Amino acid sequence: MIETNCSLKLFNSFAIEAKAQQLFRLQTRAQFPDLLLQIKSAQQQNQPILILGGGSNVLFCEDFAGLIIKVELLGIEITASENSYQLQVGAGEDWHQLVTDCVEKGIDGLENLALIPGVVGAAPVQNIGAYGTEFKDFCTSVEYIDLNSGELHTLTREQCLFGYRDSIFKTPAFKNALITQVTISLTKQWQPQSRYGGLSSLNQDGQITAKKIYDSVCQVRSEKLPDPTILGNAGSFFKNPVVKQNVANALLVLYPDMPNYPQPAGVVKLAAGWLIDQANLKGKQIGGAAVHQQQALVLVNKGDATAVDVVKLAEFVRDTVLQRFNVELEHEVRFIGAFGETNLSEVLAHV
């Protein structure tokens, strides 16, 4: 069923008002034929097409001049073997609820990824991660439908080309791939991942459990990250920048306490939130958009923010950090313009 001139405010966690010319809510596989007909019609009219999950990582910069497909495919099937659990999960399932259900069932491994907003189908696109764990660590395969041909395909983990907040699904070749289902494998020989953040303290008594990690992650994220139902936001707005070793070394001379995480190939990951905080940007506000007081990595909608407010604030944060540290931040949040995905520089050129 197609909705026209539909408000998107309830479909993005920033709670930014924008409209979609057409909206198709995909809830069952039986709708695939109808969906493909709508896509063909949109293509014949040269209208853009956008696949939308939970809307937790997008900023609608303006009204969308085409068809938005809202993915709401549900279903979880769990099978157990001698050494692992296999989970087949519909792309529309809530990610945090999946993590919670697994922890409650004693199926361990996903606990570090608790309270990450969004739906399961977005997890491989972004290769979501937190506290030293990423989606790719558990992914077996990803199923998608090619919106041009209508055919279903499955990619292995290796074929997904996962990187830091990146995957093959972000490439132009896969712009017409709608993820329908993911398969996750969780070993029964669970090993805690507790090196990052405050999780290391959980292992002091030698009785660390997945439930303890889950509870700790939920507590920390709840304290630091604003509830999007109260303050509209899209979680971490910027990626943690990766710089060359010599750049990190120069910064460490000036800032010995700077968080830094050496990576392969002689590069170092820095903490974007720390850089923004050190630039004294917490609370900085432009229009109705502000840098969150508790977590500098998050930009929030104070209630009446427009997309332009958020864009101008993002520009200010990026430029301030660049001037002070000579490190350029890239936005993790996806910018959506009238005709599809865009970026900060392109949007600024038209503001």
C-alpha atoms as a PDB file:
ATOM      1  CA  MET A   1       0.000   0.000   0.000  1.00  0.00           C
ATOM      2  CA  ILE A   2       1.336   3.391  -1.011  1.00  0.00           C
ATOM      3  CA  GLU A   3       1.035   6.499   1.133  1.00  0.00           C
ATOM      4  CA  THR A   4       1.535   9.853  -0.588  1.00  0.00           C
ATOM      5  CA  ASN A   5       2.910  13.167   0.692  1.00  0.00           C
ATOM      6  CA  CYS A   6       3.700  11.360   3.941  1.00  0.00           C
ATOM      7  CA  SER A   7       5.394  12.977   6.952  1.00  0.00           C
ATOM      8  CA  LEU A   8       8.714  11.378   7.871  1.00  0.00           C
ATOM      9  CA  LYS A   9       8.972  12.898  11.340  1.00  0.00           C
ATOM     10  CA  LEU A  10       8.004   9.623  13.042  1.00  0.00           C
ATOM     11  CA  PHE A  11      10.368   7.637  10.812  1.00  0.00           C
ATOM     12  CA  ASN A  12      13.631   9.344  11.798  1.00  0.00           C
ATOM     13  CA  SER A  13      15.001   9.468  15.326  1.00  0.00           C
ATOM     14  CA  PHE A  14      16.162  13.062  14.819  1.00  0.00           C
ATOM     15  CA  ALA A  15      12.439  13.910  14.629  1.00  0.00           C
ATOM     16  CA  ILE A  16      13.160  16.311  11.763  1.00  0.00           C
ATOM     17  CA  GLU A  17      10.105  17.216   9.715  1.00  0.00           C
ATOM     18  CA  ALA A  18      10.291  16.212   6.067  1.00  0.00           C
ATOM     19  CA  LYS A  19       7.899  14.621   3.624  1.00  0.00           C
ATOM     20  CA  ALA A  20       8.120  11.731   1.197  1.00  0.00           C
ATOM     21  CA  GLN A  21       6.344  11.932  -2.107  1.00  0.00           C
ATOM     22  CA  GLN A  22       5.536   8.218  -1.746  1.00  0.00           C
ATOM     23  CA  LEU A  23       5.989   5.705   1.090  1.00  0.00           C
ATOM     24  CA  PHE A  24       5.762   1.890   0.799  1.00  0.00           C
ATOM     25  CA  ARG A  25       5.803  -0.075   4.090  1.00  0.00           C
ATOM     26  CA  LEU A  26       7.265  -3.524   3.355  1.00  0.00           C
ATOM     27  CA  GLN A  27       5.988  -5.917   6.044  1.00  0.00           C
ATOM     28  CA  THR A  28       5.844  -9.338   4.340  1.00  0.00           C
ATOM     29  CA  ARG A  29       7.577 -11.162   1.511  1.00  0.00           C
ATOM     30  CA  ALA A  30       4.174 -11.500  -0.157  1.00  0.00           C
ATOM     31  CA  GLN A  31       4.444  -7.776  -0.921  1.00  0.00           C
ATOM     32  CA  PHE A  32       7.534  -8.248  -3.098  1.00  0.00           C
ATOM     33  CA  PRO A  33       5.574  -8.275  -6.422  1.00  0.00           C
ATOM     34  CA  ASP A  34       3.656  -5.107  -5.481  1.00  0.00           C
ATOM     35  CA  LEU A  35       6.874  -3.462  -4.366  1.00  0.00           C
ATOM     36  CA  LEU A  36       8.612  -4.235  -7.637  1.00  0.00           C
ATOM     37  CA  LEU A  37       5.696  -2.729  -9.564  1.00  0.00           C
ATOM     38  CA  GLN A  38       5.949   0.468  -7.524  1.00  0.00           C
ATOM     39  CA  ILE A  39       9.703   0.579  -8.114  1.00  0.00           C
ATOM     40  CA  LYS A  40       9.254   0.114 -11.870  1.00  0.00           C
ATOM     41  CA  SER A  41       6.724   2.949 -11.901  1.00  0.00           C
ATOM     42  CA  ALA A  42       9.092   5.225  -9.969  1.00  0.00           C
ATOM     43  CA  GLN A  43      11.960   4.381 -12.325  1.00  0.00           C
ATOM     44  CA  GLN A  44       9.843   5.118 -15.389  1.00  0.00           C
ATOM     45  CA  GLN A  45       9.133   8.558 -13.912  1.00  0.00           C
ATOM     46  CA  ASN A  46      12.822   9.057 -13.037  1.00  0.00           C
ATOM     47  CA  GLN A  47      11.968   9.318  -9.350  1.00  0.00           C
ATOM     48  CA  PRO A  48      14.605   8.534  -6.701  1.00  0.00           C
ATOM     49  CA  ILE A  49      14.187   5.492  -4.460  1.00  0.00           C
ATOM     50  CA  LEU A  50      15.346   5.230  -0.856  1.00  0.00           C
ATOM     51  CA  ILE A  51      15.417   2.188   1.436  1.00  0.00           C
ATOM     52  CA  LEU A  52      14.703   3.140   5.055  1.00  0.00           C
ATOM     53  CA  GLY A  53      15.082   0.976   8.156  1.00  0.00           C
ATOM     54  CA  GLY A  54      14.554   2.398  11.622  1.00  0.00           C
ATOM     55  CA  GLY A  55      15.614   5.896  10.609  1.00  0.00           C
ATOM     56  CA  SER A  56      18.070   6.016  13.512  1.00  0.00           C
ATOM     57  CA  ASN A  57      21.090   7.007  11.443  1.00  0.00           C
ATOM     58  CA  VAL A  58      19.659   9.467   8.923  1.00  0.00           C
ATOM     59  CA  LEU A  59      19.169  13.188   8.591  1.00  0.00           C
ATOM     60  CA  PHE A  60      16.509  14.217   6.090  1.00  0.00           C
ATOM     61  CA  CYS A  61      17.951  17.443   4.728  1.00  0.00           C
ATOM     62  CA  GLU A  62      14.823  18.218   2.684  1.00  0.00           C
ATOM     63  CA  ASP A  63      11.632  16.601   1.400  1.00  0.00           C
ATOM     64  CA  PHE A  64      12.261  13.382  -0.542  1.00  0.00           C
ATOM     65  CA  ALA A  65      11.124  13.653  -4.162  1.00  0.00           C
ATOM     66  CA  GLY A  66      10.393   9.987  -4.789  1.00  0.00           C
ATOM     67  CA  LEU A  67       9.636   6.576  -3.277  1.00  0.00           C
ATOM     68  CA  ILE A  68      10.760   5.552   0.215  1.00  0.00           C
ATOM     69  CA  ILE A  69      10.603   1.849   1.069  1.00  0.00           C
ATOM     70  CA  LYS A  70      10.193   1.400   4.828  1.00  0.00           C
ATOM     71  CA  VAL A  71      11.530  -2.083   5.721  1.00  0.00           C
ATOM     72  CA  GLU A  72       9.409  -3.756   8.411  1.00  0.00           C
ATOM     73  CA  LEU A  73      10.096  -7.457   7.718  1.00  0.00           C
ATOM     74  CA  LEU A  74       9.916  -9.452  10.973  1.00  0.00           C
ATOM     75  CA  GLY A  75      10.789 -12.983  12.128  1.00  0.00           C
ATOM     76  CA  ILE A  76      13.515 -14.698  14.157  1.00  0.00           C
ATOM     77  CA  GLU A  77      14.469 -18.359  13.694  1.00  0.00           C
ATOM     78  CA  ILE A  78      17.045 -19.902  16.032  1.00  0.00           C
ATOM     79  CA  THR A  79      18.720 -23.255  15.453  1.00  0.00           C
ATOM     80  CA  ALA A  80      21.372 -24.815  17.692  1.00  0.00           C
ATOM     81  CA  SER A  81      24.248 -27.069  16.731  1.00  0.00           C
ATOM     82  CA  GLU A  82      26.837 -28.693  18.978  1.00  0.00           C
ATOM     83  CA  ASN A  83      29.081 -25.621  19.009  1.00  0.00           C
ATOM     84  CA  SER A  84      26.951 -22.634  18.048  1.00  0.00           C
ATOM     85  CA  TYR A  85      23.599 -20.968  17.569  1.00  0.00           C
ATOM     86  CA  GLN A  86      22.421 -19.836  14.152  1.00  0.00           C
ATOM     87  CA  LEU A  87      19.961 -16.945  14.016  1.00  0.00           C
ATOM     88  CA  GLN A  88      18.010 -15.979  10.912  1.00  0.00           C
ATOM     89  CA  VAL A  89      16.550 -12.554  11.570  1.00  0.00           C
ATOM     90  CA  GLY A  90      14.175 -10.408   9.528  1.00  0.00           C
ATOM     91  CA  ALA A  91      15.570  -7.034   8.492  1.00  0.00           C
ATOM     92  CA  GLY A  92      12.795  -5.113  10.246  1.00  0.00           C
ATOM     93  CA  GLU A  93      13.426  -6.543  13.711  1.00  0.00           C
ATOM     94  CA  ASP A  94      14.569  -4.071  16.368  1.00  0.00           C
ATOM     95  CA  TRP A  95      18.304  -4.550  16.957  1.00  0.00           C
ATOM     96  CA  HIS A  96      18.372  -3.857  20.693  1.00  0.00           C
ATOM     97  CA  GLN A  97      15.402  -6.134  21.286  1.00  0.00           C
ATOM     98  CA  LEU A  98      17.246  -8.924  19.467  1.00  0.00           C
ATOM     99  CA  VAL A  99      20.288  -8.419  21.715  1.00  0.00           C
ATOM    100  CA  THR A 100      18.075  -8.390  24.822  1.00  0.00           C
ATOM    101  CA  ASP A 101      16.251 -11.575  23.811  1.00  0.00           C
ATOM    102  CA  CYS A 102      19.536 -13.361  23.139  1.00  0.00           C
ATOM    103  CA  VAL A 103      20.991 -12.396  26.517  1.00  0.00           C
ATOM    104  CA  GLU A 104      17.818 -13.540  28.278  1.00  0.00           C
ATOM    105  CA  LYS A 105      17.979 -16.887  26.441  1.00  0.00           C
ATOM    106  CA  GLY A 106      21.642 -17.409  27.332  1.00  0.00           C
ATOM    107  CA  ILE A 107      22.743 -16.947  23.728  1.00  0.00           C
ATOM    108  CA  ASP A 108      25.830 -14.829  24.318  1.00  0.00           C
ATOM    109  CA  GLY A 109      27.982 -12.682  22.067  1.00  0.00           C
ATOM    110  CA  LEU A 110      25.892  -9.663  21.078  1.00  0.00           C
ATOM    111  CA  GLU A 111      25.829  -8.020  24.520  1.00  0.00           C
ATOM    112  CA  ASN A 112      28.448  -5.344  23.656  1.00  0.00           C
ATOM    113  CA  LEU A 113      26.092  -4.087  20.947  1.00  0.00           C
ATOM    114  CA  ALA A 114      23.181  -3.414  23.311  1.00  0.00           C
ATOM    115  CA  LEU A 115      21.162  -0.207  22.991  1.00  0.00           C
ATOM    116  CA  ILE A 116      22.374   0.544  19.482  1.00  0.00           C
ATOM    117  CA  PRO A 117      19.256   1.999  17.855  1.00  0.00           C
ATOM    118  CA  GLY A 118      17.831   0.862  14.558  1.00  0.00           C
ATOM    119  CA  VAL A 119      16.728  -2.330  12.856  1.00  0.00           C
ATOM    120  CA  VAL A 120      18.620  -5.500  12.019  1.00  0.00           C
ATOM    121  CA  GLY A 121      18.752  -4.748   8.302  1.00  0.00           C
ATOM    122  CA  ALA A 122      20.838  -1.645   8.966  1.00  0.00           C
ATOM    123  CA  ALA A 123      23.454  -3.548  10.977  1.00  0.00           C
ATOM    124  CA  PRO A 124      25.402  -4.928   7.977  1.00  0.00           C
ATOM    125  CA  VAL A 125      25.143  -1.692   5.977  1.00  0.00           C
ATOM    126  CA  GLN A 126      26.865   0.269   8.714  1.00  0.00           C
ATOM    127  CA  ASN A 127      28.740  -2.691  10.230  1.00  0.00           C
ATOM    128  CA  ILE A 128      27.581  -1.395  13.605  1.00  0.00           C
ATOM    129  CA  GLY A 129      30.039  -1.661  16.458  1.00  0.00           C
ATOM    130  CA  ALA A 130      30.734  -0.752  20.079  1.00  0.00           C
ATOM    131  CA  TYR A 131      33.131  -1.707  22.877  1.00  0.00           C
ATOM    132  CA  GLY A 132      35.504  -3.648  20.628  1.00  0.00           C
ATOM    133  CA  THR A 133      32.772  -5.654  18.913  1.00  0.00           C
ATOM    134  CA  GLU A 134      31.341  -5.294  15.400  1.00  0.00           C
ATOM    135  CA  PHE A 135      28.484  -6.879  13.488  1.00  0.00           C
ATOM    136  CA  LYS A 136      30.952  -8.581  11.138  1.00  0.00           C
ATOM    137  CA  ASP A 137      32.271 -10.657  14.055  1.00  0.00           C
ATOM    138  CA  PHE A 138      29.047 -12.693  14.046  1.00  0.00           C
ATOM    139  CA  CYS A 139      27.658 -12.343  10.540  1.00  0.00           C
ATOM    140  CA  THR A 140      27.426 -15.508   8.472  1.00  0.00           C
ATOM    141  CA  SER A 141      25.472 -14.134   5.527  1.00  0.00           C
ATOM    142  CA  VAL A 142      23.163 -11.358   4.370  1.00  0.00           C
ATOM    143  CA  GLU A 143      20.163 -11.901   2.105  1.00  0.00           C
ATOM    144  CA  TYR A 144      18.911  -9.101  -0.124  1.00  0.00           C
ATOM    145  CA  ILE A 145      16.503  -8.528  -2.971  1.00  0.00           C
ATOM    146  CA  ASP A 146      17.746  -6.802  -6.094  1.00  0.00           C
ATOM    147  CA  LEU A 147      15.131  -4.125  -6.691  1.00  0.00           C
ATOM    148  CA  ASN A 148      15.924  -4.053 -10.412  1.00  0.00           C
ATOM    149  CA  SER A 149      15.583  -7.760 -11.153  1.00  0.00           C
ATOM    150  CA  GLY A 150      13.404  -8.843  -8.225  1.00  0.00           C
ATOM    151  CA  GLU A 151      15.821 -11.699  -7.519  1.00  0.00           C
ATOM    152  CA  LEU A 152      16.930 -12.760  -4.039  1.00  0.00           C
ATOM    153  CA  HIS A 153      20.678 -13.090  -3.432  1.00  0.00           C
ATOM    154  CA  THR A 154      22.828 -14.053  -0.466  1.00  0.00           C
ATOM    155  CA  LEU A 155      26.292 -12.701   0.326  1.00  0.00           C
ATOM    156  CA  THR A 156      28.744 -14.400   2.666  1.00  0.00           C
ATOM    157  CA  ARG A 157      30.473 -12.371   5.360  1.00  0.00           C
ATOM    158  CA  GLU A 158      33.592 -12.118   3.188  1.00  0.00           C
ATOM    159  CA  GLN A 159      31.580 -10.902   0.208  1.00  0.00           C
ATOM    160  CA  CYS A 160      30.070  -8.114   2.321  1.00  0.00           C
ATOM    161  CA  LEU A 161      33.505  -6.388   2.447  1.00  0.00           C
ATOM    162  CA  PHE A 162      32.973  -5.124   5.973  1.00  0.00           C
ATOM    163  CA  GLY A 163      35.104  -2.214   7.181  1.00  0.00           C
ATOM    164  CA  TYR A 164      34.895   0.381   9.919  1.00  0.00           C
ATOM    165  CA  ARG A 165      31.260   1.556   9.696  1.00  0.00           C
ATOM    166  CA  ASP A 166      31.329   0.372   6.124  1.00  0.00           C
ATOM    167  CA  SER A 167      30.290  -2.477   3.836  1.00  0.00           C
ATOM    168  CA  ILE A 168      29.625  -3.345   0.208  1.00  0.00           C
ATOM    169  CA  PHE A 169      26.044  -2.149   0.709  1.00  0.00           C
ATOM    170  CA  LYS A 170      27.315   1.441   0.768  1.00  0.00           C
ATOM    171  CA  THR A 171      28.796   1.170  -2.726  1.00  0.00           C
ATOM    172  CA  PRO A 172      26.977   2.422  -5.856  1.00  0.00           C
ATOM    173  CA  ALA A 173      26.772  -1.136  -7.206  1.00  0.00           C
ATOM    174  CA  PHE A 174      24.483  -2.109  -4.328  1.00  0.00           C
ATOM    175  CA  LYS A 175      22.255   0.961  -4.225  1.00  0.00           C
ATOM    176  CA  ASN A 176      19.341  -1.220  -5.355  1.00  0.00           C
ATOM    177  CA  ALA A 177      19.947  -3.954  -2.770  1.00  0.00           C
ATOM    178  CA  LEU A 178      17.239  -4.158  -0.098  1.00  0.00           C
ATOM    179  CA  ILE A 179      18.378  -6.332   2.805  1.00  0.00           C
ATOM    180  CA  THR A 180      15.653  -8.784   3.762  1.00  0.00           C
ATOM    181  CA  GLN A 181      17.341 -11.048   6.310  1.00  0.00           C
ATOM    182  CA  VAL A 182      20.646 -11.648   8.084  1.00  0.00           C
ATOM    183  CA  THR A 183      22.141 -14.840   9.461  1.00  0.00           C
ATOM    184  CA  ILE A 184      24.212 -14.625  12.629  1.00  0.00           C
ATOM    185  CA  SER A 185      26.359 -17.321  14.235  1.00  0.00           C
ATOM    186  CA  LEU A 186      27.133 -17.176  17.966  1.00  0.00           C
ATOM    187  CA  THR A 187      29.547 -19.689  19.452  1.00  0.00           C
ATOM    188  CA  LYS A 188      28.683 -21.623  22.595  1.00  0.00           C
ATOM    189  CA  GLN A 189      32.315 -21.199  23.699  1.00  0.00           C
ATOM    190  CA  TRP A 190      31.670 -17.620  24.662  1.00  0.00           C
ATOM    191  CA  GLN A 191      34.601 -15.318  25.376  1.00  0.00           C
ATOM    192  CA  PRO A 192      33.930 -11.893  26.941  1.00  0.00           C
ATOM    193  CA  GLN A 193      34.980  -8.774  25.067  1.00  0.00           C
ATOM    194  CA  SER A 194      35.715  -6.405  27.919  1.00  0.00           C
ATOM    195  CA  ARG A 195      38.812  -4.439  26.926  1.00  0.00           C
ATOM    196  CA  TYR A 196      37.067  -1.204  26.031  1.00  0.00           C
ATOM    197  CA  GLY A 197      35.612   1.561  28.152  1.00  0.00           C
ATOM    198  CA  GLY A 198      34.569   0.707  31.678  1.00  0.00           C
ATOM    199  CA  LEU A 199      33.977  -2.955  30.860  1.00  0.00           C
ATOM    200  CA  SER A 200      37.481  -4.002  31.983  1.00  0.00           C
ATOM    201  CA  SER A 201      36.517  -3.453  35.617  1.00  0.00           C
ATOM    202  CA  LEU A 202      33.812  -6.135  35.333  1.00  0.00           C
ATOM    203  CA  ASN A 203      36.452  -8.880  35.238  1.00  0.00           C
ATOM    204  CA  GLN A 204      38.035  -8.063  38.594  1.00  0.00           C
ATOM    205  CA  ASP A 205      36.291 -10.872  40.467  1.00  0.00           C
ATOM    206  CA  GLY A 206      36.716 -13.361  37.611  1.00  0.00           C
ATOM    207  CA  GLN A 207      32.947 -13.814  37.367  1.00  0.00           C
ATOM    208  CA  ILE A 208      32.225 -11.806  34.264  1.00  0.00           C
ATOM    209  CA  THR A 209      29.081 -12.800  32.364  1.00  0.00           C
ATOM    210  CA  ALA A 210      27.343 -11.660  29.205  1.00  0.00           C
ATOM    211  CA  LYS A 211      24.489 -10.328  31.355  1.00  0.00           C
ATOM    212  CA  LYS A 212      26.931  -8.182  33.368  1.00  0.00           C
ATOM    213  CA  ILE A 213      28.395  -6.754  30.165  1.00  0.00           C
ATOM    214  CA  TYR A 214      24.902  -6.153  28.782  1.00  0.00           C
ATOM    215  CA  ASP A 215      23.787  -4.353  31.959  1.00  0.00           C
ATOM    216  CA  SER A 216      26.960  -2.254  32.026  1.00  0.00           C
ATOM    217  CA  VAL A 217      26.686  -1.261  28.366  1.00  0.00           C
ATOM    218  CA  CYS A 218      23.023  -0.325  28.810  1.00  0.00           C
ATOM    219  CA  GLN A 219      23.832   1.726  31.893  1.00  0.00           C
ATOM    220  CA  VAL A 220      26.701   3.605  30.257  1.00  0.00           C
ATOM    221  CA  ARG A 221      24.817   4.266  27.024  1.00  0.00           C
ATOM    222  CA  SER A 222      21.708   5.388  28.922  1.00  0.00           C
ATOM    223  CA  GLU A 223      23.770   7.811  30.990  1.00  0.00           C
ATOM    224  CA  LYS A 224      25.698   9.224  28.053  1.00  0.00           C
ATOM    225  CA  LEU A 225      23.291   9.027  25.136  1.00  0.00           C
ATOM    226  CA  PRO A 226      19.991  10.930  25.120  1.00  0.00           C
ATOM    227  CA  ASP A 227      16.760   9.012  24.619  1.00  0.00           C
ATOM    228  CA  PRO A 228      15.608   9.922  21.069  1.00  0.00           C
ATOM    229  CA  THR A 229      11.987   9.878  22.236  1.00  0.00           C
ATOM    230  CA  ILE A 230      12.871  12.813  24.504  1.00  0.00           C
ATOM    231  CA  LEU A 231      15.668  14.559  22.589  1.00  0.00           C
ATOM    232  CA  GLY A 232      15.726  13.777  18.883  1.00  0.00           C
ATOM    233  CA  ASN A 233      19.121  12.489  17.774  1.00  0.00           C
ATOM    234  CA  ALA A 234      20.822   9.940  15.537  1.00  0.00           C
ATOM    235  CA  GLY A 235      23.360   8.636  18.048  1.00  0.00           C
ATOM    236  CA  SER A 236      27.022   9.174  17.231  1.00  0.00           C
ATOM    237  CA  PHE A 237      27.029  11.901  14.607  1.00  0.00           C
ATOM    238  CA  PHE A 238      30.700  11.657  13.600  1.00  0.00           C
ATOM    239  CA  LYS A 239      33.001   8.725  12.894  1.00  0.00           C
ATOM    240  CA  ASN A 240      36.054   8.210  15.058  1.00  0.00           C
ATOM    241  CA  PRO A 241      38.829   9.553  12.797  1.00  0.00           C
ATOM    242  CA  VAL A 242      41.722   7.349  11.729  1.00  0.00           C
ATOM    243  CA  VAL A 243      45.048   9.173  11.349  1.00  0.00           C
ATOM    244  CA  LYS A 244      48.628   8.281  10.511  1.00  0.00           C
ATOM    245  CA  GLN A 245      50.924   7.300  13.375  1.00  0.00           C
ATOM    246  CA  ASN A 246      53.012  10.473  13.085  1.00  0.00           C
ATOM    247  CA  VAL A 247      49.889  12.642  13.357  1.00  0.00           C
ATOM    248  CA  ALA A 248      48.804  10.760  16.488  1.00  0.00           C
ATOM    249  CA  ASN A 249      52.310  11.039  17.960  1.00  0.00           C
ATOM    250  CA  ALA A 250      52.357  14.806  17.447  1.00  0.00           C
ATOM    251  CA  LEU A 251      48.980  15.168  19.136  1.00  0.00           C
ATOM    252  CA  LEU A 252      50.035  12.947  22.042  1.00  0.00           C
ATOM    253  CA  VAL A 253      52.941  15.266  22.761  1.00  0.00           C
ATOM    254  CA  LEU A 254      50.436  18.094  23.238  1.00  0.00           C
ATOM    255  CA  TYR A 255      47.685  15.962  24.780  1.00  0.00           C
ATOM    256  CA  PRO A 256      49.234  12.980  26.630  1.00  0.00           C
ATOM    257  CA  ASP A 257      45.838  11.834  27.912  1.00  0.00           C
ATOM    258  CA  MET A 258      44.263  11.720  24.449  1.00  0.00           C
ATOM    259  CA  PRO A 259      42.476   8.390  23.862  1.00  0.00           C
ATOM    260  CA  ASN A 260      44.129   6.568  20.973  1.00  0.00           C
ATOM    261  CA  TYR A 261      43.758   3.077  19.564  1.00  0.00           C
ATOM    262  CA  PRO A 262      46.539   1.768  17.286  1.00  0.00           C
ATOM    263  CA  GLN A 263      45.241  -0.125  14.247  1.00  0.00           C
ATOM    264  CA  PRO A 264      46.881  -2.326  11.612  1.00  0.00           C
ATOM    265  CA  ALA A 265      48.872  -0.685   8.797  1.00  0.00           C
ATOM    266  CA  GLY A 266      50.411   1.934  11.058  1.00  0.00           C
ATOM    267  CA  VAL A 267      47.331   4.069  11.655  1.00  0.00           C
ATOM    268  CA  VAL A 268      45.653   5.177  14.874  1.00  0.00           C
ATOM    269  CA  LYS A 269      41.969   5.608  15.665  1.00  0.00           C
ATOM    270  CA  LEU A 270      41.103   8.681  17.735  1.00  0.00           C
ATOM    271  CA  ALA A 271      37.959   9.414  19.743  1.00  0.00           C
ATOM    272  CA  ALA A 272      35.826  11.989  17.940  1.00  0.00           C
ATOM    273  CA  GLY A 273      33.839  12.695  21.105  1.00  0.00           C
ATOM    274  CA  TRP A 274      37.022  13.538  23.006  1.00  0.00           C
ATOM    275  CA  LEU A 275      38.190  15.920  20.271  1.00  0.00           C
ATOM    276  CA  ILE A 276      34.827  17.719  20.251  1.00  0.00           C
ATOM    277  CA  ASP A 277      34.797  17.885  24.039  1.00  0.00           C
ATOM    278  CA  GLN A 278      38.343  19.280  24.174  1.00  0.00           C
ATOM    279  CA  ALA A 279      37.264  21.949  21.695  1.00  0.00           C
ATOM    280  CA  ASN A 280      34.740  23.059  24.344  1.00  0.00           C
ATOM    281  CA  LEU A 281      31.767  22.441  22.089  1.00  0.00           C
ATOM    282  CA  LYS A 282      29.411  20.703  24.531  1.00  0.00           C
ATOM    283  CA  GLY A 283      26.198  22.714  24.649  1.00  0.00           C
ATOM    284  CA  LYS A 284      27.030  24.666  21.477  1.00  0.00           C
ATOM    285  CA  GLN A 285      23.696  25.488  19.839  1.00  0.00           C
ATOM    286  CA  ILE A 286      22.632  26.728  16.424  1.00  0.00           C
ATOM    287  CA  GLY A 287      18.909  27.254  16.049  1.00  0.00           C
ATOM    288  CA  GLY A 288      17.185  24.249  17.564  1.00  0.00           C
ATOM    289  CA  ALA A 289      20.205  21.925  17.212  1.00  0.00           C
ATOM    290  CA  ALA A 290      22.840  21.483  19.915  1.00  0.00           C
ATOM    291  CA  VAL A 291      25.880  19.439  20.885  1.00  0.00           C
ATOM    292  CA  HIS A 292      24.714  17.242  23.735  1.00  0.00           C
ATOM    293  CA  GLN A 293      25.900  18.300  27.189  1.00  0.00           C
ATOM    294  CA  GLN A 294      26.768  14.750  28.334  1.00  0.00           C
ATOM    295  CA  GLN A 295      28.108  13.262  25.094  1.00  0.00           C
ATOM    296  CA  ALA A 296      29.875  15.569  22.663  1.00  0.00           C
ATOM    297  CA  LEU A 297      29.627  13.020  19.858  1.00  0.00           C
ATOM    298  CA  VAL A 298      25.842  13.446  19.718  1.00  0.00           C
ATOM    299  CA  LEU A 299      23.971  16.316  18.084  1.00  0.00           C
ATOM    300  CA  VAL A 300      20.422  16.741  19.375  1.00  0.00           C
ATOM    301  CA  ASN A 301      17.143  18.314  18.315  1.00  0.00           C
ATOM    302  CA  LYS A 302      16.105  20.541  21.203  1.00  0.00           C
ATOM    303  CA  GLY A 303      12.528  20.371  19.963  1.00  0.00           C
ATOM    304  CA  ASP A 304      12.216  22.649  16.964  1.00  0.00           C
ATOM    305  CA  ALA A 305      15.406  22.073  15.008  1.00  0.00           C
ATOM    306  CA  THR A 306      15.360  22.165  11.237  1.00  0.00           C
ATOM    307  CA  ALA A 307      17.690  20.167   9.027  1.00  0.00           C
ATOM    308  CA  VAL A 308      19.551  23.411   8.244  1.00  0.00           C
ATOM    309  CA  ASP A 309      20.187  23.929  11.973  1.00  0.00           C
ATOM    310  CA  VAL A 310      21.747  20.472  12.245  1.00  0.00           C
ATOM    311  CA  VAL A 311      23.808  20.923   9.085  1.00  0.00           C
ATOM    312  CA  LYS A 312      25.199  24.291  10.205  1.00  0.00           C
ATOM    313  CA  LEU A 313      26.044  22.879  13.638  1.00  0.00           C
ATOM    314  CA  ALA A 314      27.801  19.888  12.053  1.00  0.00           C
ATOM    315  CA  GLU A 315      29.821  22.302   9.908  1.00  0.00           C
ATOM    316  CA  PHE A 316      30.788  24.348  12.951  1.00  0.00           C
ATOM    317  CA  VAL A 317      31.910  21.268  14.888  1.00  0.00           C
ATOM    318  CA  ARG A 318      33.898  19.901  11.933  1.00  0.00           C
ATOM    319  CA  ASP A 319      35.629  23.212  11.254  1.00  0.00           C
ATOM    320  CA  THR A 320      36.410  23.885  14.930  1.00  0.00           C
ATOM    321  CA  VAL A 321      38.003  20.459  15.434  1.00  0.00           C
ATOM    322  CA  LEU A 322      39.950  20.798  12.184  1.00  0.00           C
ATOM    323  CA  GLN A 323      41.308  24.198  13.216  1.00  0.00           C
ATOM    324  CA  ARG A 324      42.362  23.041  16.675  1.00  0.00           C
ATOM    325  CA  PHE A 325      43.691  19.521  16.001  1.00  0.00           C
ATOM    326  CA  ASN A 326      44.201  19.423  12.214  1.00  0.00           C
ATOM    327  CA  VAL A 327      41.949  16.339  12.183  1.00  0.00           C
ATOM    328  CA  GLU A 328      38.923  16.343   9.900  1.00  0.00           C
ATOM    329  CA  LEU A 329      35.768  14.655  11.166  1.00  0.00           C
ATOM    330  CA  GLU A 330      33.434  12.778   8.835  1.00  0.00           C
ATOM    331  CA  HIS A 331      29.776  12.373   9.645  1.00  0.00           C
ATOM    332  CA  GLU A 332      28.582   8.860  10.425  1.00  0.00           C
ATOM    333  CA  VAL A 333      24.937   9.898  10.041  1.00  0.00           C
ATOM    334  CA  ARG A 334      23.594   9.461   6.505  1.00  0.00           C
ATOM    335  CA  PHE A 335      22.510  12.742   4.896  1.00  0.00           C
ATOM    336  CA  ILE A 336      19.441  12.323   2.672  1.00  0.00           C
ATOM    337  CA  GLY A 337      18.579  14.992   0.115  1.00  0.00           C
ATOM    338  CA  ALA A 338      15.615  15.272  -2.229  1.00  0.00           C
ATOM    339  CA  PHE A 339      17.112  12.788  -4.684  1.00  0.00           C
ATOM    340  CA  GLY A 340      19.019  10.417  -2.407  1.00  0.00           C
ATOM    341  CA  GLU A 341      22.097  10.215  -0.246  1.00  0.00           C
ATOM    342  CA  THR A 342      24.319  13.253  -0.076  1.00  0.00           C
ATOM    343  CA  ASN A 343      26.970  14.636   2.273  1.00  0.00           C
ATOM    344  CA  LEU A 344      27.766  17.658   4.400  1.00  0.00           C
ATOM    345  CA  SER A 345      29.787  19.480   1.746  1.00  0.00           C
ATOM    346  CA  GLU A 346      27.102  19.055  -0.928  1.00  0.00           C
ATOM    347  CA  VAL A 347      24.355  20.204   1.407  1.00  0.00           C
ATOM    348  CA  LEU A 348      26.352  23.249   2.522  1.00  0.00           C
ATOM    349  CA  ALA A 349      26.793  24.256  -1.109  1.00  0.00           C
ATOM    350  CA  HIS A 350      23.028  24.741  -1.357  1.00  0.00           C
ATOM    351  CA  VAL A 351      22.259  26.193   2.089  1.00  0.00           C
END
